[in-house]
Amino acid sequence: MAYTKTNVAEVYIGTNELAGVKDAKFLPSERPEIIVDVLGADEPTVLGVGSKTGPHKVEVTVYVDKADTNGQVALDAAYSAGTSVTLNYYPDGNTAGNEKHSGTAYVTKVPDSGGQGKNQAKEGTYILVYTETPTKTTVGA
């Protein structure tokens, strides 16, 4: 399937590259509110917001490819079973010297399984959430 990629990011499930990636990016973690909960108050008082702990989610837009058994089909299966996957995210591609973020993640969103429009490839989005801050390394030669 021919497709256009909007950035150079690559996503791997273990050692298998996810096929048909159109776009992949970190989603910023939410900043938790710091509140004072006063007994009897209708709403807690918000003192401020906490610090971001780093990106823990990766949003991957793909051209749906059910022939990608080690990538998209594996993510669908992990989502259905509630099991984790090993997620390797390369923001600038899997090339020596580039960043690599890796860790254990859960699939929290899969593409809609409905049909596609006439004469166009079906697109969908996966959201994967790391169980903890991903390990950041550099791709070796």
N, C-alpha and C. Protein backbone atom coordinates (compact mmCIF):
# COMPACT_ATOMS: atom_id res chain seq x y z
N MET A 1 0.85 -1.18 0.00
CA MET A 1 0.00 0.00 0.00
C MET A 1 0.90 1.23 0.00
N ALA A 2 0.68 2.11 -0.94
CA ALA A 2 1.43 3.37 -0.98
C ALA A 2 0.75 4.38 -0.08
N TYR A 3 1.52 5.16 0.63
CA TYR A 3 0.96 6.16 1.53
C TYR A 3 1.94 7.30 1.71
N THR A 4 1.43 8.39 2.24
CA THR A 4 2.25 9.57 2.51
C THR A 4 2.47 9.67 4.01
N LYS A 5 3.69 9.85 4.40
CA LYS A 5 4.03 9.98 5.82
C LYS A 5 4.20 11.46 6.12
N THR A 6 3.62 11.93 7.23
CA THR A 6 3.69 13.36 7.53
C THR A 6 4.86 13.72 8.44
N ASN A 7 5.47 12.74 9.08
CA ASN A 7 6.71 13.02 9.81
C ASN A 7 7.60 11.80 9.72
N VAL A 8 8.80 11.86 10.25
CA VAL A 8 9.75 10.77 10.10
C VAL A 8 9.74 9.80 11.28
N ALA A 9 8.84 10.00 12.23
CA ALA A 9 8.79 9.14 13.41
C ALA A 9 8.50 7.70 13.01
N GLU A 10 9.10 6.78 13.76
CA GLU A 10 8.85 5.36 13.55
C GLU A 10 8.44 4.74 14.87
N VAL A 11 7.57 3.74 14.79
CA VAL A 11 7.06 3.06 15.97
C VAL A 11 7.29 1.56 15.78
N TYR A 12 7.85 0.94 16.80
CA TYR A 12 8.08 -0.50 16.77
C TYR A 12 7.36 -1.15 17.94
N ILE A 13 6.78 -2.30 17.69
CA ILE A 13 6.20 -3.13 18.73
C ILE A 13 7.21 -4.26 18.93
N GLY A 14 7.98 -4.15 20.00
CA GLY A 14 9.13 -5.04 20.17
C GLY A 14 10.15 -4.70 19.09
N THR A 15 10.49 -5.69 18.25
CA THR A 15 11.45 -5.45 17.17
C THR A 15 10.76 -5.29 15.81
N ASN A 16 9.43 -5.31 15.80
CA ASN A 16 8.67 -5.23 14.55
C ASN A 16 8.16 -3.82 14.31
N GLU A 17 8.49 -3.26 13.14
CA GLU A 17 8.04 -1.92 12.80
C GLU A 17 6.54 -1.94 12.50
N LEU A 18 5.84 -0.96 13.04
CA LEU A 18 4.41 -0.80 12.78
C LEU A 18 4.24 -0.30 11.36
N ALA A 19 3.45 -1.01 10.55
CA ALA A 19 3.28 -0.66 9.14
C ALA A 19 2.26 0.46 8.96
N GLY A 20 2.41 1.20 7.89
CA GLY A 20 1.43 2.20 7.50
C GLY A 20 1.34 3.42 8.39
N VAL A 21 2.40 3.75 9.12
CA VAL A 21 2.36 4.91 10.02
C VAL A 21 2.32 6.19 9.20
N LYS A 22 1.30 6.99 9.42
CA LYS A 22 1.18 8.29 8.77
C LYS A 22 1.78 9.38 9.65
N ASP A 23 1.52 9.30 10.95
CA ASP A 23 1.99 10.31 11.88
C ASP A 23 2.09 9.68 13.26
N ALA A 24 3.12 10.03 14.00
CA ALA A 24 3.28 9.54 15.37
C ALA A 24 3.86 10.65 16.21
N LYS A 25 3.31 10.82 17.41
CA LYS A 25 3.80 11.90 18.28
C LYS A 25 3.51 11.58 19.74
N PHE A 26 4.34 12.19 20.60
CA PHE A 26 4.07 12.13 22.03
C PHE A 26 2.89 13.03 22.34
N LEU A 27 2.07 12.61 23.25
CA LEU A 27 1.03 13.47 23.79
C LEU A 27 1.52 13.90 25.16
N PRO A 28 1.48 15.18 25.47
CA PRO A 28 1.98 15.61 26.77
C PRO A 28 1.13 15.05 27.91
N SER A 29 1.80 14.75 29.00
CA SER A 29 1.05 14.27 30.16
C SER A 29 0.30 15.43 30.77
N GLU A 30 -0.78 15.10 31.43
CA GLU A 30 -1.57 16.14 32.07
C GLU A 30 -0.88 16.61 33.34
N ARG A 31 -1.08 17.87 33.65
CA ARG A 31 -0.53 18.43 34.88
C ARG A 31 -1.60 18.34 35.96
N PRO A 32 -1.37 17.53 36.98
CA PRO A 32 -2.39 17.36 38.01
C PRO A 32 -2.59 18.63 38.83
N GLU A 33 -3.84 18.86 39.20
CA GLU A 33 -4.14 20.02 40.05
C GLU A 33 -3.71 19.73 41.48
N ILE A 34 -3.20 20.76 42.14
CA ILE A 34 -2.88 20.67 43.57
C ILE A 34 -4.03 21.35 44.29
N ILE A 35 -4.75 20.58 45.08
CA ILE A 35 -5.96 21.11 45.68
C ILE A 35 -5.94 21.01 47.20
N VAL A 36 -6.77 21.84 47.81
CA VAL A 36 -7.00 21.75 49.25
C VAL A 36 -8.46 21.35 49.38
N ASP A 37 -8.69 20.20 49.95
CA ASP A 37 -10.06 19.71 50.10
C ASP A 37 -10.54 20.05 51.52
N VAL A 38 -11.36 21.04 51.62
CA VAL A 38 -11.87 21.49 52.91
C VAL A 38 -13.18 20.76 53.18
N LEU A 39 -13.28 20.17 54.35
CA LEU A 39 -14.49 19.43 54.72
C LEU A 39 -15.71 20.34 54.64
N GLY A 40 -16.72 19.89 53.94
CA GLY A 40 -17.95 20.64 53.84
C GLY A 40 -17.98 21.62 52.67
N ALA A 41 -16.88 21.78 51.96
CA ALA A 41 -16.86 22.70 50.82
C ALA A 41 -17.54 22.05 49.62
N ASP A 42 -18.24 22.85 48.83
CA ASP A 42 -18.89 22.32 47.63
C ASP A 42 -17.86 21.86 46.61
N GLU A 43 -16.80 22.64 46.46
CA GLU A 43 -15.73 22.31 45.52
C GLU A 43 -14.39 22.52 46.19
N PRO A 44 -13.41 21.66 45.89
CA PRO A 44 -12.09 21.87 46.49
C PRO A 44 -11.44 23.13 45.93
N THR A 45 -10.57 23.75 46.70
CA THR A 45 -9.85 24.93 46.27
C THR A 45 -8.58 24.49 45.53
N VAL A 46 -8.39 25.02 44.32
CA VAL A 46 -7.22 24.68 43.52
C VAL A 46 -6.11 25.68 43.83
N LEU A 47 -4.99 25.17 44.32
CA LEU A 47 -3.85 26.02 44.65
C LEU A 47 -2.95 26.25 43.45
N GLY A 48 -2.94 25.34 42.52
CA GLY A 48 -2.07 25.44 41.34
C GLY A 48 -2.06 24.11 40.62
N VAL A 49 -1.10 23.94 39.75
CA VAL A 49 -0.97 22.67 39.04
C VAL A 49 0.42 22.11 39.27
N GLY A 50 0.51 20.81 39.25
CA GLY A 50 1.79 20.14 39.44
C GLY A 50 2.64 20.21 38.18
N SER A 51 3.82 19.65 38.26
CA SER A 51 4.71 19.67 37.10
C SER A 51 4.42 18.49 36.19
N LYS A 52 4.78 18.64 34.92
CA LYS A 52 4.64 17.55 33.97
C LYS A 52 5.74 16.55 34.27
N THR A 53 5.40 15.29 34.18
CA THR A 53 6.39 14.26 34.44
C THR A 53 6.99 13.72 33.16
N GLY A 54 6.62 14.28 32.03
CA GLY A 54 7.16 13.83 30.76
C GLY A 54 6.09 13.15 29.93
N PRO A 55 6.38 12.93 28.68
CA PRO A 55 5.40 12.30 27.81
C PRO A 55 5.25 10.81 28.12
N HIS A 56 4.04 10.40 28.33
CA HIS A 56 3.78 9.00 28.63
C HIS A 56 2.86 8.36 27.61
N LYS A 57 2.35 9.13 26.67
CA LYS A 57 1.45 8.59 25.66
C LYS A 57 2.03 8.83 24.28
N VAL A 58 1.79 7.88 23.39
CA VAL A 58 2.17 8.03 21.99
C VAL A 58 0.89 7.85 21.17
N GLU A 59 0.60 8.83 20.32
CA GLU A 59 -0.55 8.76 19.42
C GLU A 59 -0.02 8.44 18.03
N VAL A 60 -0.53 7.35 17.45
CA VAL A 60 -0.05 6.89 16.15
C VAL A 60 -1.22 6.82 15.17
N THR A 61 -1.16 7.65 14.13
CA THR A 61 -2.16 7.60 13.07
C THR A 61 -1.61 6.70 11.97
N VAL A 62 -2.41 5.71 11.59
CA VAL A 62 -1.96 4.72 10.60
C VAL A 62 -2.96 4.60 9.46
N TYR A 63 -2.46 4.08 8.36
CA TYR A 63 -3.33 3.58 7.31
C TYR A 63 -3.58 2.13 7.70
N VAL A 64 -4.83 1.80 7.97
CA VAL A 64 -5.16 0.49 8.51
C VAL A 64 -4.70 -0.60 7.54
N ASP A 65 -3.97 -1.58 8.09
CA ASP A 65 -3.41 -2.67 7.30
C ASP A 65 -3.52 -3.96 8.11
N LYS A 66 -4.56 -4.74 7.85
CA LYS A 66 -4.78 -5.97 8.61
C LYS A 66 -3.80 -7.08 8.23
N ALA A 67 -2.94 -6.83 7.24
CA ALA A 67 -1.89 -7.78 6.89
C ALA A 67 -0.67 -7.59 7.79
N ASP A 68 -0.63 -6.51 8.57
CA ASP A 68 0.48 -6.22 9.47
C ASP A 68 0.29 -7.00 10.77
N THR A 69 0.50 -8.31 10.69
CA THR A 69 0.19 -9.18 11.83
C THR A 69 1.05 -8.94 13.06
N ASN A 70 2.31 -8.51 12.86
CA ASN A 70 3.20 -8.27 14.00
C ASN A 70 3.11 -6.84 14.51
N GLY A 71 2.30 -6.00 13.86
CA GLY A 71 2.17 -4.60 14.26
C GLY A 71 0.73 -4.28 14.63
N GLN A 72 -0.06 -3.86 13.65
CA GLN A 72 -1.43 -3.42 13.92
C GLN A 72 -2.31 -4.54 14.47
N VAL A 73 -2.21 -5.73 13.92
CA VAL A 73 -3.02 -6.84 14.42
C VAL A 73 -2.60 -7.20 15.85
N ALA A 74 -1.29 -7.12 16.13
CA ALA A 74 -0.80 -7.39 17.49
C ALA A 74 -1.31 -6.34 18.47
N LEU A 75 -1.39 -5.07 18.04
CA LEU A 75 -1.93 -4.02 18.91
C LEU A 75 -3.42 -4.24 19.17
N ASP A 76 -4.16 -4.63 18.13
CA ASP A 76 -5.58 -4.92 18.31
C ASP A 76 -5.78 -6.06 19.31
N ALA A 77 -4.96 -7.09 19.19
CA ALA A 77 -5.06 -8.24 20.10
C ALA A 77 -4.70 -7.85 21.53
N ALA A 78 -3.66 -7.03 21.70
CA ALA A 78 -3.25 -6.58 23.04
C ALA A 78 -4.36 -5.74 23.67
N TYR A 79 -5.00 -4.91 22.87
CA TYR A 79 -6.11 -4.08 23.36
C TYR A 79 -7.26 -4.97 23.83
N SER A 80 -7.62 -5.95 23.01
CA SER A 80 -8.73 -6.85 23.36
C SER A 80 -8.44 -7.67 24.61
N ALA A 81 -7.20 -8.11 24.75
CA ALA A 81 -6.82 -8.95 25.89
C ALA A 81 -6.42 -8.14 27.12
N GLY A 82 -6.18 -6.84 26.95
CA GLY A 82 -5.74 -6.01 28.07
C GLY A 82 -4.31 -6.30 28.48
N THR A 83 -3.50 -6.74 27.51
CA THR A 83 -2.10 -7.06 27.80
C THR A 83 -1.19 -5.94 27.32
N SER A 84 0.02 -5.90 27.84
CA SER A 84 0.97 -4.85 27.48
C SER A 84 1.80 -5.26 26.26
N VAL A 85 2.45 -4.26 25.68
CA VAL A 85 3.38 -4.48 24.57
C VAL A 85 4.66 -3.72 24.88
N THR A 86 5.73 -4.08 24.21
CA THR A 86 6.97 -3.33 24.31
C THR A 86 6.93 -2.28 23.21
N LEU A 87 6.93 -1.00 23.60
CA LEU A 87 6.81 0.09 22.66
C LEU A 87 8.14 0.81 22.51
N ASN A 88 8.63 0.87 21.29
CA ASN A 88 9.84 1.62 20.96
C ASN A 88 9.44 2.74 20.00
N TYR A 89 9.67 3.98 20.42
CA TYR A 89 9.27 5.15 19.64
C TYR A 89 10.51 5.93 19.26
N TYR A 90 10.66 6.18 17.97
CA TYR A 90 11.80 6.92 17.43
C TYR A 90 11.26 8.21 16.81
N PRO A 91 11.31 9.35 17.51
CA PRO A 91 10.73 10.60 17.00
C PRO A 91 11.33 11.06 15.68
N ASP A 92 12.61 10.77 15.45
CA ASP A 92 13.27 11.21 14.22
C ASP A 92 13.70 10.04 13.34
N GLY A 93 13.08 8.88 13.53
CA GLY A 93 13.41 7.70 12.74
C GLY A 93 14.43 6.82 13.44
N ASN A 94 14.44 5.55 13.04
CA ASN A 94 15.34 4.56 13.61
C ASN A 94 16.67 4.59 12.88
N THR A 95 17.44 5.65 13.13
CA THR A 95 18.74 5.86 12.49
C THR A 95 19.77 6.12 13.59
N ALA A 96 20.97 5.62 13.38
CA ALA A 96 22.04 5.80 14.37
C ALA A 96 22.17 7.26 14.79
N GLY A 97 22.25 7.46 16.11
CA GLY A 97 22.40 8.79 16.67
C GLY A 97 21.09 9.46 17.06
N ASN A 98 19.96 8.93 16.61
CA ASN A 98 18.66 9.52 16.95
C ASN A 98 18.16 9.01 18.29
N GLU A 99 17.19 9.74 18.86
CA GLU A 99 16.57 9.35 20.15
C GLU A 99 15.70 8.11 19.99
N LYS A 100 15.66 7.33 21.05
CA LYS A 100 14.77 6.18 21.14
C LYS A 100 14.12 6.21 22.51
N HIS A 101 12.80 6.07 22.56
CA HIS A 101 12.07 6.00 23.81
C HIS A 101 11.46 4.60 23.87
N SER A 102 11.75 3.86 24.93
CA SER A 102 11.24 2.50 25.00
C SER A 102 10.71 2.18 26.39
N GLY A 103 9.77 1.24 26.40
CA GLY A 103 9.19 0.80 27.65
C GLY A 103 7.96 -0.06 27.41
N THR A 104 7.33 -0.44 28.49
CA THR A 104 6.12 -1.23 28.42
C THR A 104 4.93 -0.29 28.32
N ALA A 105 3.99 -0.63 27.44
CA ALA A 105 2.83 0.24 27.23
C ALA A 105 1.57 -0.58 27.05
N TYR A 106 0.45 0.07 27.30
CA TYR A 106 -0.86 -0.52 27.05
C TYR A 106 -1.54 0.25 25.94
N VAL A 107 -2.31 -0.46 25.12
CA VAL A 107 -3.07 0.16 24.05
C VAL A 107 -4.40 0.61 24.65
N THR A 108 -4.69 1.92 24.59
CA THR A 108 -5.92 2.43 25.17
C THR A 108 -6.94 2.86 24.12
N LYS A 109 -6.51 2.89 22.85
CA LYS A 109 -7.43 3.23 21.77
C LYS A 109 -6.96 2.53 20.51
N VAL A 110 -7.91 1.97 19.76
CA VAL A 110 -7.61 1.34 18.48
C VAL A 110 -8.48 1.99 17.40
N PRO A 111 -8.09 1.87 16.13
CA PRO A 111 -8.90 2.46 15.07
C PRO A 111 -10.29 1.83 14.99
N ASP A 112 -11.25 2.61 14.54
CA ASP A 112 -12.60 2.14 14.29
C ASP A 112 -12.54 1.04 13.25
N SER A 113 -13.33 -0.01 13.43
CA SER A 113 -13.29 -1.14 12.50
C SER A 113 -14.28 -1.01 11.35
N GLY A 114 -14.89 0.17 11.18
CA GLY A 114 -15.84 0.39 10.09
C GLY A 114 -15.16 0.42 8.74
N GLY A 115 -15.96 0.56 7.69
CA GLY A 115 -15.45 0.56 6.32
C GLY A 115 -14.76 1.86 5.96
N GLN A 116 -14.13 1.86 4.80
CA GLN A 116 -13.43 3.05 4.32
C GLN A 116 -14.22 3.70 3.20
N GLY A 117 -13.90 4.92 2.92
CA GLY A 117 -14.56 5.62 1.83
C GLY A 117 -14.08 5.12 0.49
N LYS A 118 -14.82 5.43 -0.53
CA LYS A 118 -14.46 5.01 -1.88
C LYS A 118 -13.16 5.68 -2.31
N ASN A 119 -12.26 4.89 -2.88
CA ASN A 119 -10.99 5.37 -3.43
C ASN A 119 -10.08 6.06 -2.41
N GLN A 120 -10.16 5.67 -1.17
CA GLN A 120 -9.23 6.23 -0.19
C GLN A 120 -8.84 5.16 0.82
N ALA A 121 -7.63 5.26 1.34
CA ALA A 121 -7.16 4.32 2.34
C ALA A 121 -7.80 4.66 3.68
N LYS A 122 -8.15 3.63 4.42
CA LYS A 122 -8.75 3.85 5.73
C LYS A 122 -7.67 4.24 6.73
N GLU A 123 -7.92 5.30 7.48
CA GLU A 123 -7.00 5.75 8.50
C GLU A 123 -7.60 5.50 9.88
N GLY A 124 -6.74 5.36 10.86
CA GLY A 124 -7.19 5.21 12.24
C GLY A 124 -6.08 5.62 13.20
N THR A 125 -6.42 5.68 14.47
CA THR A 125 -5.46 6.13 15.47
C THR A 125 -5.35 5.13 16.61
N TYR A 126 -4.12 4.82 16.97
CA TYR A 126 -3.82 4.05 18.17
C TYR A 126 -3.29 5.03 19.21
N ILE A 127 -3.67 4.83 20.46
CA ILE A 127 -3.04 5.55 21.56
C ILE A 127 -2.44 4.50 22.48
N LEU A 128 -1.15 4.65 22.73
CA LEU A 128 -0.43 3.74 23.61
C LEU A 128 0.08 4.54 24.80
N VAL A 129 -0.10 3.98 25.99
CA VAL A 129 0.29 4.67 27.22
C VAL A 129 1.38 3.85 27.92
N TYR A 130 2.54 4.50 28.10
CA TYR A 130 3.62 3.84 28.83
C TYR A 130 3.20 3.64 30.28
N THR A 131 3.64 2.53 30.88
CA THR A 131 3.33 2.24 32.28
C THR A 131 4.15 3.10 33.23
N GLU A 132 5.26 3.63 32.75
CA GLU A 132 6.11 4.54 33.51
C GLU A 132 6.89 5.38 32.52
N THR A 133 7.67 6.31 33.00
CA THR A 133 8.44 7.16 32.09
C THR A 133 9.31 6.27 31.21
N PRO A 134 9.20 6.44 29.88
CA PRO A 134 9.98 5.60 28.98
C PRO A 134 11.49 5.86 29.11
N THR A 135 12.27 4.84 28.85
CA THR A 135 13.72 4.96 28.86
C THR A 135 14.16 5.65 27.58
N LYS A 136 14.93 6.72 27.74
CA LYS A 136 15.40 7.49 26.58
C LYS A 136 16.87 7.14 26.34
N THR A 137 17.14 6.62 25.14
CA THR A 137 18.51 6.27 24.76
C THR A 137 18.78 6.81 23.37
N THR A 138 19.95 6.52 22.86
CA THR A 138 20.33 6.90 21.50
C THR A 138 20.49 5.64 20.68
N VAL A 139 20.00 5.67 19.44
CA VAL A 139 20.12 4.50 18.56
C VAL A 139 21.59 4.31 18.22
N GLY A 140 22.06 3.07 18.40
CA GLY A 140 23.45 2.75 18.09
C GLY A 140 23.69 2.55 16.61
N ALA A 141 24.93 2.44 16.25
CA ALA A 141 25.30 2.27 14.83
C ALA A 141 24.96 0.89 14.33
